Amino acid sequence: MTATTKTTGTGTATRHLYLVRHGEALPDESGLSEKGRRQAELVGRRLAGVPLSVVHHGPLARAEQTARVIGEHLEGAVVRADEVAGDYVPYFPGREELPADCADHLLDFLSQSTAEDRQHGPGLAQRALERFTGPVAGGEERHELVVTHNFLIGWLVRDALDAPAWRWLGLNHGNAALTVIRYAPGRPSSVVMFNDMSHLRHL
């Protein structure tokens, strides 16, 4: 799936971060639809054999159910909930940060956010960067999966590309699509794959 980078000694090693948006949800978002469960099954089959050590998932049912279906295909991977893998708005830009031709549209979209989003989202987003990005300590490379939502995937991809903070907006991710980011010591982060849906083509 990704190139292998070996690091020896007690320094840092490569992190391979796999990002999957939850499968299709029921209309009331109380869990996965039948199609969503099938999507999760196909993601699990695709990732079977990847040496994933952990599957982080957001607390909402659609993310948890997706993670558990995927986890059935991953030998030895721990599946665990993590609030920083949840569904939240990661960053609220000011008008002056946005391109003039789309500022009104983007600010109108963000105006639908709640006061709770504005209070908690940016802090969770910073914790997600601390938790999921960069090389890992020690001499063993790590493969880990985050089953999450569209906004967080856009935020992490934006960070990997050193794009402006507002640019998580417009990075849209399909249900059960796969993104892979590699963080190798001494190298810039690399988006190996973005929004790949090839495993879903037979749905």
N, C-alpha and C. Protein backbone atom coordinates (compact mmCIF):
# COMPACT_ATOMS: atom_id res chain seq x y z
N MET A 1 0.82 -1.20 0.00
CA MET A 1 0.00 0.00 0.00
C MET A 1 0.86 1.25 0.00
N THR A 2 1.88 1.29 0.88
CA THR A 2 2.80 2.41 0.92
C THR A 2 4.22 1.88 0.92
N ALA A 3 5.15 2.75 0.50
CA ALA A 3 6.55 2.36 0.54
C ALA A 3 6.97 2.17 1.98
N THR A 4 7.89 1.27 2.20
CA THR A 4 8.35 0.97 3.54
C THR A 4 9.66 1.71 3.81
N THR A 5 9.70 2.40 4.94
CA THR A 5 10.90 3.11 5.34
C THR A 5 11.36 2.54 6.67
N LYS A 6 12.56 2.00 6.73
CA LYS A 6 13.08 1.43 7.96
C LYS A 6 13.98 2.43 8.67
N THR A 7 13.78 2.55 9.96
CA THR A 7 14.63 3.39 10.77
C THR A 7 15.14 2.56 11.94
N THR A 8 16.42 2.62 12.18
CA THR A 8 16.98 1.84 13.28
C THR A 8 17.38 2.76 14.41
N GLY A 9 17.70 2.19 15.56
CA GLY A 9 18.11 2.99 16.69
C GLY A 9 16.91 3.46 17.50
N THR A 10 17.13 4.47 18.32
CA THR A 10 16.10 4.93 19.24
C THR A 10 15.58 6.31 18.88
N GLY A 11 15.76 6.76 17.65
CA GLY A 11 15.31 8.08 17.23
C GLY A 11 13.84 8.08 16.87
N THR A 12 13.54 8.41 15.63
CA THR A 12 12.15 8.42 15.16
C THR A 12 12.02 7.52 13.94
N ALA A 13 10.79 7.11 13.69
CA ALA A 13 10.51 6.22 12.58
C ALA A 13 9.28 6.72 11.82
N THR A 14 9.07 6.17 10.66
CA THR A 14 7.99 6.60 9.79
C THR A 14 6.62 6.22 10.33
N ARG A 15 5.71 7.19 10.28
CA ARG A 15 4.30 6.93 10.56
C ARG A 15 3.56 6.89 9.22
N HIS A 16 2.77 5.82 9.02
CA HIS A 16 1.86 5.72 7.88
C HIS A 16 0.45 5.92 8.43
N LEU A 17 -0.17 7.03 8.07
CA LEU A 17 -1.49 7.35 8.59
C LEU A 17 -2.54 7.09 7.51
N TYR A 18 -3.46 6.18 7.81
CA TYR A 18 -4.55 5.83 6.91
C TYR A 18 -5.81 6.52 7.41
N LEU A 19 -6.50 7.21 6.52
CA LEU A 19 -7.70 7.94 6.88
C LEU A 19 -8.88 7.42 6.06
N VAL A 20 -9.95 7.09 6.75
CA VAL A 20 -11.16 6.60 6.08
C VAL A 20 -12.35 7.39 6.63
N ARG A 21 -13.15 7.93 5.74
CA ARG A 21 -14.41 8.51 6.18
C ARG A 21 -15.40 7.37 6.43
N HIS A 22 -16.27 7.56 7.40
CA HIS A 22 -17.28 6.53 7.70
C HIS A 22 -18.10 6.17 6.47
N GLY A 23 -18.71 4.99 6.50
CA GLY A 23 -19.58 4.57 5.42
C GLY A 23 -20.87 5.37 5.39
N GLU A 24 -21.64 5.14 4.35
CA GLU A 24 -22.91 5.86 4.19
C GLU A 24 -23.80 5.65 5.43
N ALA A 25 -24.37 6.74 5.92
CA ALA A 25 -25.20 6.68 7.13
C ALA A 25 -26.68 6.59 6.77
N LEU A 26 -27.46 6.15 7.74
CA LEU A 26 -28.90 6.21 7.63
C LEU A 26 -29.35 7.67 7.55
N PRO A 27 -30.55 7.93 7.04
CA PRO A 27 -31.01 9.32 6.94
C PRO A 27 -30.96 10.10 8.25
N ASP A 28 -31.21 9.44 9.38
CA ASP A 28 -31.15 10.13 10.67
C ASP A 28 -29.77 10.09 11.31
N GLU A 29 -28.80 9.52 10.59
CA GLU A 29 -27.40 9.45 11.02
C GLU A 29 -27.21 8.66 12.32
N SER A 30 -28.13 7.76 12.61
CA SER A 30 -28.03 6.96 13.83
C SER A 30 -27.11 5.76 13.68
N GLY A 31 -26.61 5.53 12.50
CA GLY A 31 -25.73 4.41 12.23
C GLY A 31 -25.55 4.25 10.74
N LEU A 32 -24.97 3.13 10.34
CA LEU A 32 -24.71 2.88 8.93
C LEU A 32 -25.94 2.31 8.23
N SER A 33 -26.11 2.68 6.97
CA SER A 33 -27.07 2.02 6.11
C SER A 33 -26.51 0.67 5.68
N GLU A 34 -27.31 -0.11 5.01
CA GLU A 34 -26.81 -1.38 4.48
C GLU A 34 -25.67 -1.13 3.51
N LYS A 35 -25.81 -0.11 2.68
CA LYS A 35 -24.71 0.23 1.76
C LYS A 35 -23.48 0.64 2.54
N GLY A 36 -23.66 1.40 3.62
CA GLY A 36 -22.53 1.81 4.44
C GLY A 36 -21.79 0.64 5.05
N ARG A 37 -22.54 -0.38 5.50
CA ARG A 37 -21.89 -1.57 6.05
C ARG A 37 -21.10 -2.31 4.98
N ARG A 38 -21.66 -2.37 3.79
CA ARG A 38 -20.94 -3.01 2.68
C ARG A 38 -19.68 -2.23 2.33
N GLN A 39 -19.78 -0.91 2.34
CA GLN A 39 -18.59 -0.09 2.09
C GLN A 39 -17.50 -0.36 3.13
N ALA A 40 -17.89 -0.44 4.39
CA ALA A 40 -16.92 -0.71 5.45
C ALA A 40 -16.28 -2.08 5.27
N GLU A 41 -17.07 -3.05 4.87
CA GLU A 41 -16.55 -4.39 4.61
C GLU A 41 -15.49 -4.35 3.51
N LEU A 42 -15.74 -3.58 2.47
CA LEU A 42 -14.78 -3.50 1.36
C LEU A 42 -13.51 -2.77 1.77
N VAL A 43 -13.62 -1.77 2.63
CA VAL A 43 -12.42 -1.12 3.16
C VAL A 43 -11.60 -2.13 3.97
N GLY A 44 -12.29 -2.90 4.80
CA GLY A 44 -11.59 -3.90 5.61
C GLY A 44 -10.85 -4.90 4.76
N ARG A 45 -11.49 -5.35 3.70
CA ARG A 45 -10.82 -6.30 2.80
C ARG A 45 -9.60 -5.67 2.14
N ARG A 46 -9.72 -4.39 1.79
CA ARG A 46 -8.58 -3.74 1.15
C ARG A 46 -7.40 -3.60 2.11
N LEU A 47 -7.69 -3.31 3.37
CA LEU A 47 -6.61 -3.08 4.33
C LEU A 47 -6.12 -4.35 5.01
N ALA A 48 -6.79 -5.46 4.77
CA ALA A 48 -6.33 -6.72 5.35
C ALA A 48 -4.90 -6.99 4.87
N GLY A 49 -4.02 -7.32 5.77
CA GLY A 49 -2.62 -7.55 5.42
C GLY A 49 -1.73 -6.35 5.68
N VAL A 50 -2.33 -5.14 5.79
CA VAL A 50 -1.55 -3.97 6.18
C VAL A 50 -1.28 -4.08 7.68
N PRO A 51 -0.06 -3.87 8.14
CA PRO A 51 0.26 -4.08 9.56
C PRO A 51 -0.24 -2.95 10.45
N LEU A 52 -1.54 -2.72 10.43
CA LEU A 52 -2.13 -1.67 11.26
C LEU A 52 -2.14 -2.11 12.72
N SER A 53 -1.67 -1.25 13.59
CA SER A 53 -1.62 -1.58 15.01
C SER A 53 -2.83 -1.06 15.77
N VAL A 54 -3.46 -0.01 15.26
CA VAL A 54 -4.58 0.61 15.98
C VAL A 54 -5.55 1.23 14.98
N VAL A 55 -6.82 1.19 15.33
CA VAL A 55 -7.87 1.86 14.58
C VAL A 55 -8.53 2.86 15.53
N HIS A 56 -8.31 4.15 15.30
CA HIS A 56 -8.97 5.19 16.08
C HIS A 56 -10.29 5.52 15.38
N HIS A 57 -11.32 5.78 16.13
CA HIS A 57 -12.57 6.21 15.50
C HIS A 57 -13.25 7.26 16.35
N GLY A 58 -14.02 8.10 15.70
CA GLY A 58 -14.79 9.10 16.40
C GLY A 58 -15.91 8.47 17.19
N PRO A 59 -16.52 9.24 18.11
CA PRO A 59 -17.53 8.68 19.01
C PRO A 59 -18.90 8.47 18.40
N LEU A 60 -19.19 9.06 17.25
CA LEU A 60 -20.51 8.90 16.66
C LEU A 60 -20.69 7.49 16.08
N ALA A 61 -21.94 7.04 16.07
CA ALA A 61 -22.24 5.64 15.72
C ALA A 61 -21.76 5.28 14.33
N ARG A 62 -21.91 6.17 13.37
CA ARG A 62 -21.53 5.83 12.00
C ARG A 62 -20.02 5.60 11.87
N ALA A 63 -19.22 6.32 12.65
CA ALA A 63 -17.77 6.10 12.63
C ALA A 63 -17.40 4.84 13.41
N GLU A 64 -18.02 4.65 14.56
CA GLU A 64 -17.72 3.47 15.36
C GLU A 64 -18.07 2.19 14.62
N GLN A 65 -19.25 2.14 14.00
CA GLN A 65 -19.66 0.95 13.28
C GLN A 65 -18.74 0.67 12.10
N THR A 66 -18.35 1.71 11.39
CA THR A 66 -17.42 1.53 10.28
C THR A 66 -16.10 0.94 10.78
N ALA A 67 -15.58 1.49 11.88
CA ALA A 67 -14.30 1.03 12.42
C ALA A 67 -14.38 -0.43 12.85
N ARG A 68 -15.47 -0.81 13.47
CA ARG A 68 -15.58 -2.18 13.97
C ARG A 68 -15.68 -3.19 12.83
N VAL A 69 -16.39 -2.83 11.76
CA VAL A 69 -16.44 -3.73 10.60
C VAL A 69 -15.06 -3.86 9.97
N ILE A 70 -14.36 -2.74 9.80
CA ILE A 70 -13.00 -2.79 9.25
C ILE A 70 -12.10 -3.62 10.15
N GLY A 71 -12.21 -3.40 11.46
CA GLY A 71 -11.35 -4.08 12.41
C GLY A 71 -11.46 -5.59 12.37
N GLU A 72 -12.59 -6.11 11.93
CA GLU A 72 -12.76 -7.56 11.83
C GLU A 72 -11.79 -8.18 10.83
N HIS A 73 -11.23 -7.36 9.95
CA HIS A 73 -10.31 -7.85 8.93
C HIS A 73 -8.85 -7.60 9.29
N LEU A 74 -8.59 -6.98 10.44
CA LEU A 74 -7.23 -6.55 10.78
C LEU A 74 -6.74 -7.35 11.98
N GLU A 75 -5.83 -8.23 11.72
CA GLU A 75 -5.32 -9.09 12.78
C GLU A 75 -4.46 -8.29 13.76
N GLY A 76 -4.84 -8.31 15.01
CA GLY A 76 -4.02 -7.69 16.04
C GLY A 76 -4.23 -6.20 16.25
N ALA A 77 -5.06 -5.56 15.43
CA ALA A 77 -5.27 -4.12 15.58
C ALA A 77 -6.25 -3.83 16.72
N VAL A 78 -5.92 -2.85 17.54
CA VAL A 78 -6.81 -2.41 18.61
C VAL A 78 -7.76 -1.36 18.05
N VAL A 79 -9.06 -1.51 18.31
CA VAL A 79 -10.06 -0.55 17.85
C VAL A 79 -10.51 0.26 19.05
N ARG A 80 -10.36 1.60 18.98
CA ARG A 80 -10.71 2.41 20.15
C ARG A 80 -11.26 3.77 19.76
N ALA A 81 -12.18 4.25 20.58
CA ALA A 81 -12.79 5.55 20.36
C ALA A 81 -11.85 6.66 20.81
N ASP A 82 -11.93 7.79 20.11
CA ASP A 82 -11.09 8.93 20.45
C ASP A 82 -11.85 10.19 20.02
N GLU A 83 -12.11 11.08 20.95
CA GLU A 83 -12.90 12.26 20.62
C GLU A 83 -12.23 13.16 19.59
N VAL A 84 -10.91 13.11 19.51
CA VAL A 84 -10.24 13.97 18.52
C VAL A 84 -10.41 13.44 17.10
N ALA A 85 -10.94 12.23 16.95
CA ALA A 85 -11.28 11.69 15.63
C ALA A 85 -12.74 11.94 15.29
N GLY A 86 -13.38 12.84 16.03
CA GLY A 86 -14.81 13.08 15.86
C GLY A 86 -15.15 14.05 14.75
N ASP A 87 -16.42 14.46 14.75
CA ASP A 87 -16.98 15.33 13.71
C ASP A 87 -17.08 16.75 14.27
N TYR A 88 -16.20 17.64 13.81
CA TYR A 88 -16.19 19.01 14.31
C TYR A 88 -15.56 19.92 13.26
N VAL A 89 -15.79 21.21 13.42
CA VAL A 89 -15.19 22.20 12.52
C VAL A 89 -13.80 22.53 13.07
N PRO A 90 -12.75 22.27 12.30
CA PRO A 90 -11.40 22.40 12.86
C PRO A 90 -10.84 23.81 12.92
N TYR A 91 -11.37 24.71 12.07
CA TYR A 91 -10.77 26.05 12.01
C TYR A 91 -11.80 27.00 11.41
N PHE A 92 -11.88 28.19 12.01
CA PHE A 92 -12.79 29.24 11.54
C PHE A 92 -11.96 30.42 11.02
N PRO A 93 -11.87 30.58 9.73
CA PRO A 93 -11.06 31.69 9.19
C PRO A 93 -11.80 33.02 9.27
N GLY A 94 -11.03 34.09 9.29
CA GLY A 94 -11.58 35.42 9.12
C GLY A 94 -11.72 35.74 7.64
N ARG A 95 -12.55 36.69 7.32
CA ARG A 95 -12.76 37.05 5.91
C ARG A 95 -11.45 37.40 5.22
N GLU A 96 -10.55 38.07 5.95
CA GLU A 96 -9.31 38.52 5.34
C GLU A 96 -8.41 37.37 4.90
N GLU A 97 -8.64 36.17 5.41
CA GLU A 97 -7.85 35.01 5.02
C GLU A 97 -8.32 34.36 3.73
N LEU A 98 -9.54 34.65 3.33
CA LEU A 98 -10.19 33.91 2.25
C LEU A 98 -10.09 34.64 0.92
N PRO A 99 -10.05 33.89 -0.20
CA PRO A 99 -10.10 34.53 -1.51
C PRO A 99 -11.39 35.32 -1.67
N ALA A 100 -11.28 36.50 -2.24
CA ALA A 100 -12.45 37.38 -2.34
C ALA A 100 -13.60 36.75 -3.10
N ASP A 101 -13.28 35.93 -4.10
CA ASP A 101 -14.34 35.40 -4.95
C ASP A 101 -15.17 34.30 -4.30
N CYS A 102 -14.69 33.74 -3.17
CA CYS A 102 -15.46 32.68 -2.52
C CYS A 102 -15.67 32.93 -1.03
N ALA A 103 -15.26 34.09 -0.54
CA ALA A 103 -15.36 34.35 0.89
C ALA A 103 -16.80 34.32 1.38
N ASP A 104 -17.71 34.93 0.65
CA ASP A 104 -19.11 34.95 1.08
C ASP A 104 -19.68 33.55 1.20
N HIS A 105 -19.39 32.72 0.22
CA HIS A 105 -19.90 31.34 0.23
C HIS A 105 -19.35 30.57 1.42
N LEU A 106 -18.06 30.67 1.66
CA LEU A 106 -17.46 29.90 2.75
C LEU A 106 -17.92 30.39 4.12
N LEU A 107 -18.03 31.69 4.29
CA LEU A 107 -18.47 32.22 5.57
C LEU A 107 -19.94 31.90 5.83
N ASP A 108 -20.74 31.87 4.77
CA ASP A 108 -22.13 31.47 4.92
C ASP A 108 -22.22 30.01 5.37
N PHE A 109 -21.38 29.16 4.79
CA PHE A 109 -21.34 27.76 5.19
C PHE A 109 -20.95 27.63 6.66
N LEU A 110 -19.95 28.36 7.08
CA LEU A 110 -19.48 28.26 8.46
C LEU A 110 -20.44 28.89 9.45
N SER A 111 -21.30 29.78 8.98
CA SER A 111 -22.25 30.43 9.88
C SER A 111 -23.28 29.45 10.42
N GLN A 112 -23.38 28.28 9.81
CA GLN A 112 -24.32 27.26 10.27
C GLN A 112 -23.76 26.50 11.49
N SER A 113 -22.52 26.73 11.83
CA SER A 113 -21.90 26.06 12.97
C SER A 113 -22.48 26.58 14.28
N THR A 114 -22.42 25.75 15.29
CA THR A 114 -22.96 26.12 16.60
C THR A 114 -21.89 26.81 17.44
N ALA A 115 -22.35 27.40 18.54
CA ALA A 115 -21.40 28.00 19.48
C ALA A 115 -20.46 26.95 20.05
N GLU A 116 -20.97 25.73 20.25
CA GLU A 116 -20.13 24.64 20.75
C GLU A 116 -19.04 24.30 19.74
N ASP A 117 -19.39 24.30 18.43
CA ASP A 117 -18.38 24.06 17.40
C ASP A 117 -17.23 25.07 17.52
N ARG A 118 -17.60 26.32 17.69
CA ARG A 118 -16.58 27.38 17.74
C ARG A 118 -15.75 27.29 19.02
N GLN A 119 -16.36 26.82 20.09
CA GLN A 119 -15.65 26.73 21.36
C GLN A 119 -14.69 25.55 21.39
N HIS A 120 -15.13 24.41 20.85
CA HIS A 120 -14.36 23.18 21.03
C HIS A 120 -13.62 22.69 19.77
N GLY A 121 -14.13 23.00 18.58
CA GLY A 121 -13.55 22.43 17.37
C GLY A 121 -12.08 22.73 17.16
N PRO A 122 -11.65 23.99 17.22
CA PRO A 122 -10.23 24.28 16.99
C PRO A 122 -9.29 23.59 17.98
N GLY A 123 -9.71 23.47 19.23
CA GLY A 123 -8.87 22.78 20.21
C GLY A 123 -8.73 21.30 19.89
N LEU A 124 -9.83 20.67 19.51
CA LEU A 124 -9.77 19.27 19.11
C LEU A 124 -8.89 19.09 17.88
N ALA A 125 -8.98 20.04 16.95
CA ALA A 125 -8.17 19.96 15.73
C ALA A 125 -6.68 20.03 16.04
N GLN A 126 -6.30 20.88 16.98
CA GLN A 126 -4.90 20.97 17.37
C GLN A 126 -4.45 19.67 18.03
N ARG A 127 -5.31 19.10 18.85
CA ARG A 127 -4.97 17.82 19.48
C ARG A 127 -4.85 16.72 18.45
N ALA A 128 -5.66 16.77 17.40
CA ALA A 128 -5.56 15.76 16.34
C ALA A 128 -4.21 15.84 15.64
N LEU A 129 -3.71 17.06 15.41
CA LEU A 129 -2.38 17.20 14.81
C LEU A 129 -1.32 16.61 15.72
N GLU A 130 -1.44 16.85 17.01
CA GLU A 130 -0.47 16.32 17.96
C GLU A 130 -0.54 14.80 18.06
N ARG A 131 -1.75 14.27 17.94
CA ARG A 131 -1.96 12.83 18.13
C ARG A 131 -1.59 12.01 16.89
N PHE A 132 -1.91 12.52 15.72
CA PHE A 132 -1.89 11.67 14.53
C PHE A 132 -0.81 12.01 13.50
N THR A 133 -0.08 13.09 13.65
CA THR A 133 0.84 13.49 12.59
C THR A 133 2.29 13.42 13.05
N GLY A 134 3.18 13.42 12.06
CA GLY A 134 4.62 13.42 12.32
C GLY A 134 5.18 12.02 12.50
N PRO A 135 6.51 11.87 12.40
CA PRO A 135 7.16 10.59 12.69
C PRO A 135 6.89 10.16 14.13
N VAL A 136 7.09 8.88 14.39
CA VAL A 136 6.84 8.34 15.72
C VAL A 136 8.16 8.10 16.45
N ALA A 137 8.09 8.15 17.77
CA ALA A 137 9.29 7.92 18.58
C ALA A 137 9.68 6.45 18.53
N GLY A 138 10.98 6.21 18.62
CA GLY A 138 11.48 4.85 18.62
C GLY A 138 11.95 4.41 17.25
N GLY A 139 12.32 3.15 17.16
CA GLY A 139 12.90 2.64 15.92
C GLY A 139 11.95 1.86 15.04
N GLU A 140 10.67 1.73 15.44
CA GLU A 140 9.73 0.92 14.68
C GLU A 140 8.70 1.80 13.98
N GLU A 141 8.58 1.63 12.66
CA GLU A 141 7.57 2.39 11.95
C GLU A 141 6.17 1.93 12.37
N ARG A 142 5.21 2.82 12.20
CA ARG A 142 3.85 2.54 12.66
C ARG A 142 2.84 2.78 11.54
N HIS A 143 1.87 1.87 11.47
CA HIS A 143 0.73 2.01 10.56
C HIS A 143 -0.51 2.15 11.44
N GLU A 144 -1.24 3.24 11.29
CA GLU A 144 -2.45 3.41 12.08
C GLU A 144 -3.57 3.99 11.21
N LEU A 145 -4.78 3.65 11.59
CA LEU A 145 -5.97 4.04 10.84
C LEU A 145 -6.84 4.95 11.70
N VAL A 146 -7.36 6.00 11.08
CA VAL A 146 -8.34 6.86 11.73
C VAL A 146 -9.62 6.82 10.90
N VAL A 147 -10.69 6.34 11.51
CA VAL A 147 -12.01 6.33 10.86
C VAL A 147 -12.76 7.54 11.39
N THR A 148 -13.05 8.48 10.52
CA THR A 148 -13.50 9.79 10.98
C THR A 148 -14.50 10.40 10.00
N HIS A 149 -14.46 11.72 9.89
CA HIS A 149 -15.45 12.47 9.12
C HIS A 149 -14.72 13.39 8.14
N ASN A 150 -15.50 13.95 7.24
CA ASN A 150 -14.96 14.72 6.14
C ASN A 150 -14.06 15.87 6.60
N PHE A 151 -14.51 16.62 7.60
CA PHE A 151 -13.78 17.83 7.99
C PHE A 151 -12.38 17.51 8.52
N LEU A 152 -12.26 16.49 9.36
CA LEU A 152 -10.96 16.17 9.93
C LEU A 152 -10.00 15.66 8.86
N ILE A 153 -10.50 14.88 7.92
CA ILE A 153 -9.61 14.43 6.84
C ILE A 153 -9.09 15.62 6.06
N GLY A 154 -9.97 16.56 5.72
CA GLY A 154 -9.52 17.77 5.03
C GLY A 154 -8.49 18.54 5.83
N TRP A 155 -8.68 18.62 7.14
CA TRP A 155 -7.75 19.33 8.02
C TRP A 155 -6.37 18.66 8.03
N LEU A 156 -6.33 17.34 8.11
CA LEU A 156 -5.06 16.63 8.16
C LEU A 156 -4.34 16.67 6.81
N VAL A 157 -5.08 16.58 5.73
CA VAL A 157 -4.46 16.68 4.40
C VAL A 157 -3.91 18.09 4.19
N ARG A 158 -4.69 19.10 4.56
CA ARG A 158 -4.22 20.48 4.46
C ARG A 158 -2.92 20.67 5.21
N ASP A 159 -2.85 20.11 6.43
CA ASP A 159 -1.63 20.24 7.22
C ASP A 159 -0.46 19.54 6.54
N ALA A 160 -0.70 18.35 5.99
CA ALA A 160 0.37 17.60 5.34
C ALA A 160 0.95 18.36 4.15
N LEU A 161 0.13 19.18 3.51
CA LEU A 161 0.56 19.94 2.34
C LEU A 161 1.03 21.35 2.68
N ASP A 162 1.05 21.68 3.99
CA ASP A 162 1.43 23.02 4.44
C ASP A 162 0.58 24.11 3.78
N ALA A 163 -0.68 23.80 3.55
CA ALA A 163 -1.61 24.77 2.97
C ALA A 163 -2.12 25.71 4.07
N PRO A 164 -2.66 26.86 3.70
CA PRO A 164 -3.21 27.77 4.72
C PRO A 164 -4.27 27.08 5.57
N ALA A 165 -4.43 27.55 6.79
CA ALA A 165 -5.33 26.87 7.73
C ALA A 165 -6.76 26.78 7.23
N TRP A 166 -7.22 27.79 6.47
CA TRP A 166 -8.60 27.77 5.99
C TRP A 166 -8.83 26.72 4.91
N ARG A 167 -7.76 26.16 4.36
CA ARG A 167 -7.90 25.36 3.14
C ARG A 167 -8.42 23.94 3.38
N TRP A 168 -8.77 23.61 4.64
CA TRP A 168 -9.50 22.36 4.85
C TRP A 168 -10.86 22.42 4.15
N LEU A 169 -11.35 23.64 3.99
CA LEU A 169 -12.61 23.83 3.26
C LEU A 169 -12.41 23.49 1.80
N GLY A 170 -13.31 22.72 1.25
CA GLY A 170 -13.23 22.34 -0.16
C GLY A 170 -12.49 21.05 -0.42
N LEU A 171 -11.87 20.45 0.61
CA LEU A 171 -11.24 19.13 0.46
C LEU A 171 -12.26 18.07 0.87
N ASN A 172 -13.01 17.61 -0.10
CA ASN A 172 -14.13 16.71 0.19
C ASN A 172 -13.73 15.25 0.01
N HIS A 173 -14.27 14.41 0.87
CA HIS A 173 -13.88 13.00 0.94
C HIS A 173 -15.12 12.13 0.87
N GLY A 174 -15.10 11.11 0.03
CA GLY A 174 -16.24 10.24 -0.14
C GLY A 174 -16.40 9.25 1.01
N ASN A 175 -17.61 8.78 1.20
CA ASN A 175 -17.85 7.74 2.20
C ASN A 175 -16.99 6.52 1.90
N ALA A 176 -16.26 6.06 2.92
CA ALA A 176 -15.43 4.86 2.85
C ALA A 176 -14.27 4.98 1.85
N ALA A 177 -13.96 6.19 1.44
CA ALA A 177 -12.77 6.40 0.61
C ALA A 177 -11.52 6.37 1.49
N LEU A 178 -10.38 6.19 0.85
CA LEU A 178 -9.12 6.00 1.57
C LEU A 178 -8.11 7.08 1.21
N THR A 179 -7.51 7.66 2.25
CA THR A 179 -6.39 8.60 2.09
C THR A 179 -5.23 8.08 2.93
N VAL A 180 -4.01 8.22 2.42
CA VAL A 180 -2.82 7.77 3.15
C VAL A 180 -1.79 8.90 3.16
N ILE A 181 -1.30 9.23 4.34
CA ILE A 181 -0.25 10.23 4.51
C ILE A 181 0.95 9.57 5.16
N ARG A 182 2.13 9.84 4.64
CA ARG A 182 3.37 9.28 5.20
C ARG A 182 4.21 10.39 5.83
N TYR A 183 4.64 10.15 7.06
CA TYR A 183 5.49 11.08 7.80
C TYR A 183 6.82 10.38 8.06
N ALA A 184 7.81 10.65 7.23
CA ALA A 184 9.12 10.02 7.36
C ALA A 184 10.11 10.99 8.01
N PRO A 185 10.97 10.50 8.89
CA PRO A 185 11.95 11.39 9.53
C PRO A 185 12.82 12.11 8.51
N GLY A 186 12.98 13.39 8.71
CA GLY A 186 13.87 14.16 7.85
C GLY A 186 13.32 14.46 6.47
N ARG A 187 12.03 14.19 6.24
CA ARG A 187 11.43 14.44 4.94
C ARG A 187 10.10 15.17 5.13
N PRO A 188 9.66 15.90 4.11
CA PRO A 188 8.34 16.51 4.23
C PRO A 188 7.26 15.44 4.23
N SER A 189 6.16 15.73 4.87
CA SER A 189 5.04 14.78 4.85
C SER A 189 4.58 14.60 3.41
N SER A 190 4.05 13.41 3.14
CA SER A 190 3.70 13.05 1.77
C SER A 190 2.30 12.47 1.71
N VAL A 191 1.43 13.08 0.90
CA VAL A 191 0.11 12.53 0.67
C VAL A 191 0.25 11.46 -0.41
N VAL A 192 0.27 10.22 0.02
CA VAL A 192 0.49 9.09 -0.88
C VAL A 192 -0.75 8.81 -1.71
N MET A 193 -1.90 9.01 -1.11
CA MET A 193 -3.17 8.67 -1.76
C MET A 193 -4.24 9.57 -1.18
N PHE A 194 -5.16 10.07 -2.02
CA PHE A 194 -6.24 10.91 -1.52
C PHE A 194 -7.58 10.50 -2.11
N ASN A 195 -8.54 10.24 -1.23
CA ASN A 195 -9.93 9.99 -1.63
C ASN A 195 -10.05 8.84 -2.63
N ASP A 196 -9.27 7.80 -2.41
CA ASP A 196 -9.27 6.67 -3.34
C ASP A 196 -10.48 5.77 -3.07
N MET A 197 -11.22 5.47 -4.12
CA MET A 197 -12.44 4.66 -4.00
C MET A 197 -12.38 3.40 -4.84
N SER A 198 -11.21 2.99 -5.25
CA SER A 198 -11.12 1.86 -6.16
C SER A 198 -11.69 0.58 -5.54
N HIS A 199 -11.64 0.44 -4.22
CA HIS A 199 -12.18 -0.75 -3.56
C HIS A 199 -13.70 -0.77 -3.56
N LEU A 200 -14.32 0.36 -3.92
CA LEU A 200 -15.79 0.45 -3.91
C LEU A 200 -16.39 0.30 -5.30
N ARG A 201 -15.59 0.02 -6.30
CA ARG A 201 -16.10 0.08 -7.68
C ARG A 201 -17.14 -0.98 -7.98
N HIS A 202 -17.21 -2.05 -7.21
CA HIS A 202 -18.17 -3.12 -7.50
C HIS A 202 -19.45 -3.01 -6.68
N LEU A 203 -19.61 -1.91 -5.94
CA LEU A 203 -20.83 -1.73 -5.16
C LEU A 203 -22.05 -1.58 -6.07
